[in-house]
């Protein structure tokens, strides 16, 4: 029976993107869920074999956001049950929090494409990766801190779990939707738009091979690929 992978997305534009595409190519059964729609929208424990938590404009530590606590409980239950979790940006912060790390405002926001300093290019490639975040996580106890920029930790691995601060899932189409959302919320500077789109070619494709390698490594650690 194919393994079941559940993606948690927190808005209409925080989609699985490349990760969803590669999950299908690897033969996984894909489902997506919207924690921001309330606890009833969360997948039930036991209904998935892998969990991927996507990004969000919200902060993990914002107690005024009502859907974060139920989602955190789901992620904690997955970790306790030995279900591999991959966290992306907000998702990486939530995973770090569950595993005993901390999440707080970063020294500076990071926005745009850039390389990371990696301790293990086989697990976390140097990039360039796309960053768009104001918060940052610390490395959970017992995890390996695998990549960073001068501003923030960018990736950690704890056994079968992986958290990254950057966005390996993005396509040009996805980032254009984020830019439109930002314009609707509060506006966005032209130079920031250029920085966000700099990594894509005329067809909206970025450096997809490194995303596939990162995701495949997660599946290897999960015992689903050799």
Protein backbone atom coordinates (compact mmCIF):
# COMPACT_ATOMS: atom_id res chain seq x y z
CA UNK A 1 0.00 0.00 0.00
CA UNK A 2 1.47 3.43 -0.92
CA UNK A 3 2.46 5.69 1.94
CA UNK A 4 0.07 8.55 2.74
CA UNK A 5 1.45 12.07 3.01
CA UNK A 6 -0.62 14.89 4.51
CA UNK A 7 0.17 18.53 3.78
CA UNK A 8 -1.02 21.22 6.19
CA UNK A 9 -1.49 24.54 4.38
CA UNK A 10 -2.58 27.72 6.10
CA UNK A 11 -4.10 29.77 3.29
CA UNK A 12 -5.19 29.32 -0.30
CA UNK A 13 -1.72 30.37 -1.48
CA UNK A 14 0.48 28.38 0.95
CA UNK A 15 0.29 25.33 -1.30
CA UNK A 16 2.58 22.25 -1.38
CA UNK A 17 3.93 23.36 -4.76
CA UNK A 18 6.94 21.35 -5.87
CA UNK A 19 6.74 19.12 -2.80
CA UNK A 20 3.24 18.04 -3.74
CA UNK A 21 4.32 17.36 -7.30
CA UNK A 22 7.32 15.28 -6.23
CA UNK A 23 5.20 13.40 -3.68
CA UNK A 24 2.94 12.30 -6.51
CA UNK A 25 5.91 11.35 -8.68
CA UNK A 26 7.30 9.23 -5.84
CA UNK A 27 4.00 7.33 -5.64
CA UNK A 28 2.73 8.77 -2.36
CA UNK A 29 -0.98 9.26 -1.69
CA UNK A 30 -1.33 13.03 -1.22
CA UNK A 31 -3.92 14.89 0.85
CA UNK A 32 -4.05 18.56 1.83
CA UNK A 33 -5.69 20.06 4.89
CA UNK A 34 -6.40 23.58 6.17
CA UNK A 35 -5.71 23.96 9.91
CA UNK A 36 -6.76 27.61 9.65
CA UNK A 37 -10.31 26.37 9.03
CA UNK A 38 -10.47 24.94 12.54
CA UNK A 39 -9.82 21.61 14.31
CA UNK A 40 -12.37 19.75 12.20
CA UNK A 41 -10.21 20.40 9.12
CA UNK A 42 -7.18 18.63 10.59
CA UNK A 43 -6.40 15.10 9.45
CA UNK A 44 -7.15 12.45 12.01
CA UNK A 45 -4.22 10.71 13.72
CA UNK A 46 -3.43 7.48 11.94
CA UNK A 47 -4.70 8.74 8.59
CA UNK A 48 -1.21 9.66 7.32
CA UNK A 49 2.29 8.18 7.32
CA UNK A 50 4.15 11.44 6.70
CA UNK A 51 3.30 15.01 7.64
CA UNK A 52 4.43 18.22 5.91
CA UNK A 53 3.64 21.56 7.56
CA UNK A 54 3.74 24.51 5.16
CA UNK A 55 4.37 28.21 5.70
CA UNK A 56 2.10 30.92 7.06
CA UNK A 57 2.08 34.67 7.62
CA UNK A 58 1.26 33.97 11.28
CA UNK A 59 3.74 33.51 14.12
CA UNK A 60 3.97 30.23 16.01
CA UNK A 61 4.00 32.06 19.34
CA UNK A 62 0.91 34.21 18.65
CA UNK A 63 -1.64 32.90 21.14
CA UNK A 64 -4.34 35.07 19.55
CA UNK A 65 -4.41 32.81 16.47
CA UNK A 66 -6.89 30.09 17.49
CA UNK A 67 -5.88 27.35 15.05
CA UNK A 68 -2.21 27.18 16.03
CA UNK A 69 -2.68 25.27 19.31
CA UNK A 70 -4.75 22.42 17.75
CA UNK A 71 -2.25 22.15 14.91
CA UNK A 72 0.65 22.07 17.35
CA UNK A 73 -1.08 19.23 19.21
CA UNK A 74 -1.43 17.30 15.94
CA UNK A 75 2.26 17.77 15.12
CA UNK A 76 3.27 16.78 18.66
CA UNK A 77 1.11 13.66 18.38
CA UNK A 78 2.74 12.77 15.07
CA UNK A 79 6.21 13.15 16.58
CA UNK A 80 5.22 11.06 19.61
CA UNK A 81 3.84 8.36 17.28
CA UNK A 82 7.01 8.20 15.18
CA UNK A 83 5.46 9.82 12.10
CA UNK A 84 8.12 11.73 10.11
CA UNK A 85 7.47 15.48 9.95
CA UNK A 86 8.86 17.99 7.46
CA UNK A 87 8.36 21.62 8.44
CA UNK A 88 8.68 24.52 5.99
CA UNK A 89 9.21 28.09 7.32
CA UNK A 90 6.28 28.47 9.79
CA UNK A 91 6.11 24.67 9.71
CA UNK A 92 9.80 24.41 10.57
CA UNK A 93 9.26 26.83 13.44
CA UNK A 94 6.30 24.81 14.70
CA UNK A 95 8.31 21.58 14.49
CA UNK A 96 11.22 23.21 16.33
CA UNK A 97 8.82 24.35 19.06
CA UNK A 98 7.35 20.84 19.41
CA UNK A 99 10.83 19.33 19.65
CA UNK A 100 11.92 21.72 22.41
CA UNK A 101 13.47 24.56 20.43
CA UNK A 102 12.40 28.19 20.61
CA UNK A 103 10.83 30.58 18.10
CA UNK A 104 11.17 34.36 18.24
CA UNK A 105 11.52 37.41 16.06
CA UNK A 106 14.64 37.18 13.91
CA UNK A 107 17.36 39.79 14.27
CA UNK A 108 16.43 40.95 10.77
CA UNK A 109 13.82 39.79 8.27
CA UNK A 110 15.06 37.70 5.33
CA UNK A 111 13.46 38.13 1.92
CA UNK A 112 14.75 36.91 -1.42
CA UNK A 113 17.05 34.28 -2.89
CA UNK A 114 20.42 33.38 -1.42
CA UNK A 115 22.73 30.54 -0.52
CA UNK A 116 23.01 29.02 2.94
CA UNK A 117 26.10 27.82 4.76
CA UNK A 118 25.54 24.08 5.02
CA UNK A 119 27.31 21.53 7.17
CA UNK A 120 26.08 18.66 4.98
CA UNK A 121 25.32 19.48 1.32
CA UNK A 122 24.05 15.92 0.85
CA UNK A 123 21.14 16.60 3.18
CA UNK A 124 20.71 20.37 2.86
CA UNK A 125 22.04 21.83 -0.36
CA UNK A 126 23.63 25.29 -0.38
CA UNK A 127 20.91 26.74 -2.59
CA UNK A 128 20.09 29.33 -3.63
CA UNK A 129 16.88 29.01 -1.63
CA UNK A 130 14.03 31.48 -1.23
CA UNK A 131 13.52 33.06 2.18
CA UNK A 132 10.60 35.21 3.30
CA UNK A 133 10.29 35.36 7.08
CA UNK A 134 10.42 37.62 10.13
CA UNK A 135 10.70 34.88 12.79
CA UNK A 136 13.41 32.29 13.38
CA UNK A 137 13.88 29.03 15.28
CA UNK A 138 16.66 27.65 17.43
CA UNK A 139 17.96 24.12 17.03
CA UNK A 140 15.95 21.69 19.17
CA UNK A 141 17.84 19.67 21.79
CA UNK A 142 19.43 16.60 20.22
CA UNK A 143 18.92 17.82 16.65
CA UNK A 144 21.63 18.62 14.13
CA UNK A 145 21.91 22.23 12.99
CA UNK A 146 22.72 21.75 9.32
CA UNK A 147 22.48 25.14 7.61
CA UNK A 148 22.39 28.82 8.45
CA UNK A 149 22.75 32.33 7.11
CA UNK A 150 24.40 35.17 9.04
CA UNK A 151 20.90 36.04 10.28
CA UNK A 152 19.22 32.77 11.22
CA UNK A 153 19.40 29.00 11.45
CA UNK A 154 18.03 27.59 8.19
CA UNK A 155 17.75 23.84 8.69
CA UNK A 156 17.90 21.10 11.29
CA UNK A 157 17.40 17.34 11.28
CA UNK A 158 16.37 15.27 14.27
CA UNK A 159 16.24 11.63 13.23
CA UNK A 160 13.27 11.25 10.89
CA UNK A 161 12.20 14.90 11.24
CA UNK A 162 13.43 17.88 9.22
CA UNK A 163 12.79 21.58 9.66
CA UNK A 164 13.81 24.28 7.20
CA UNK A 165 13.38 28.04 7.34
CA UNK A 166 13.49 28.60 3.58
CA UNK A 167 10.88 27.63 0.97
CA UNK A 168 11.88 24.61 -1.17
CA UNK A 169 8.32 24.25 -2.50
CA UNK A 170 8.12 27.47 -4.50
CA UNK A 171 7.40 28.00 -8.17
CA UNK A 172 7.04 31.33 -9.92
CA UNK A 173 3.27 30.92 -9.86
CA UNK A 174 3.25 30.34 -6.09
CA UNK A 175 5.42 33.39 -5.37
CA UNK A 176 3.33 35.61 -7.64
CA UNK A 177 0.30 34.62 -5.49
CA UNK A 178 2.23 35.53 -2.33
CA UNK A 179 3.15 38.89 -3.81
CA UNK A 180 -0.49 39.54 -4.71
CA UNK A 181 -1.50 38.63 -1.15
CA UNK A 182 1.13 41.00 0.26
CA UNK A 183 -0.13 43.81 -1.97
CA UNK A 184 -3.66 43.21 -0.70
CA UNK A 185 -2.55 43.22 2.95
CA UNK A 186 -0.14 46.12 3.22
CA UNK A 187 1.71 46.60 -0.05
CA UNK A 188 5.18 45.44 -1.05
CA UNK A 189 8.16 47.37 -2.37
CA UNK A 190 9.23 46.91 -5.98
CA UNK A 191 12.75 45.91 -4.93
CA UNK A 192 11.29 43.16 -2.73
CA UNK A 193 9.24 41.86 -5.65
CA UNK A 194 12.39 41.72 -7.77
CA UNK A 195 14.25 39.87 -5.00
CA UNK A 196 11.46 37.31 -4.67
CA UNK A 197 11.24 36.61 -8.41
CA UNK A 198 14.98 36.63 -9.11
CA UNK A 199 15.35 32.87 -8.82
CA UNK A 200 12.86 31.94 -11.56
CA UNK A 201 13.30 31.67 -15.31
CA UNK A 202 10.85 32.99 -17.89
CA UNK A 203 8.67 29.89 -17.39
CA UNK A 204 8.49 30.38 -13.63
CA UNK A 205 10.83 27.50 -12.86
CA UNK A 206 13.44 27.73 -10.14
CA UNK A 207 16.22 25.36 -9.05
CA UNK A 208 13.93 22.34 -8.75
CA UNK A 209 16.61 19.65 -8.58
CA UNK A 210 17.75 20.75 -5.12
CA UNK A 211 14.16 20.62 -3.83
CA UNK A 212 13.76 17.09 -5.17
CA UNK A 213 17.02 16.06 -3.48
CA UNK A 214 15.98 17.58 -0.13
CA UNK A 215 12.57 15.91 -0.26
CA UNK A 216 13.99 12.57 -1.31
CA UNK A 217 16.44 12.74 1.60
CA UNK A 218 13.51 13.27 3.96
CA UNK A 219 11.82 10.18 2.51
CA UNK A 220 15.04 8.16 2.89
CA UNK A 221 15.24 9.10 6.59
CA UNK A 222 11.58 8.15 6.86
CA UNK A 223 12.42 4.68 5.51
CA UNK A 224 10.39 5.11 2.33
CA UNK A 225 13.23 5.32 -0.20
CA UNK A 226 16.65 3.75 -0.34
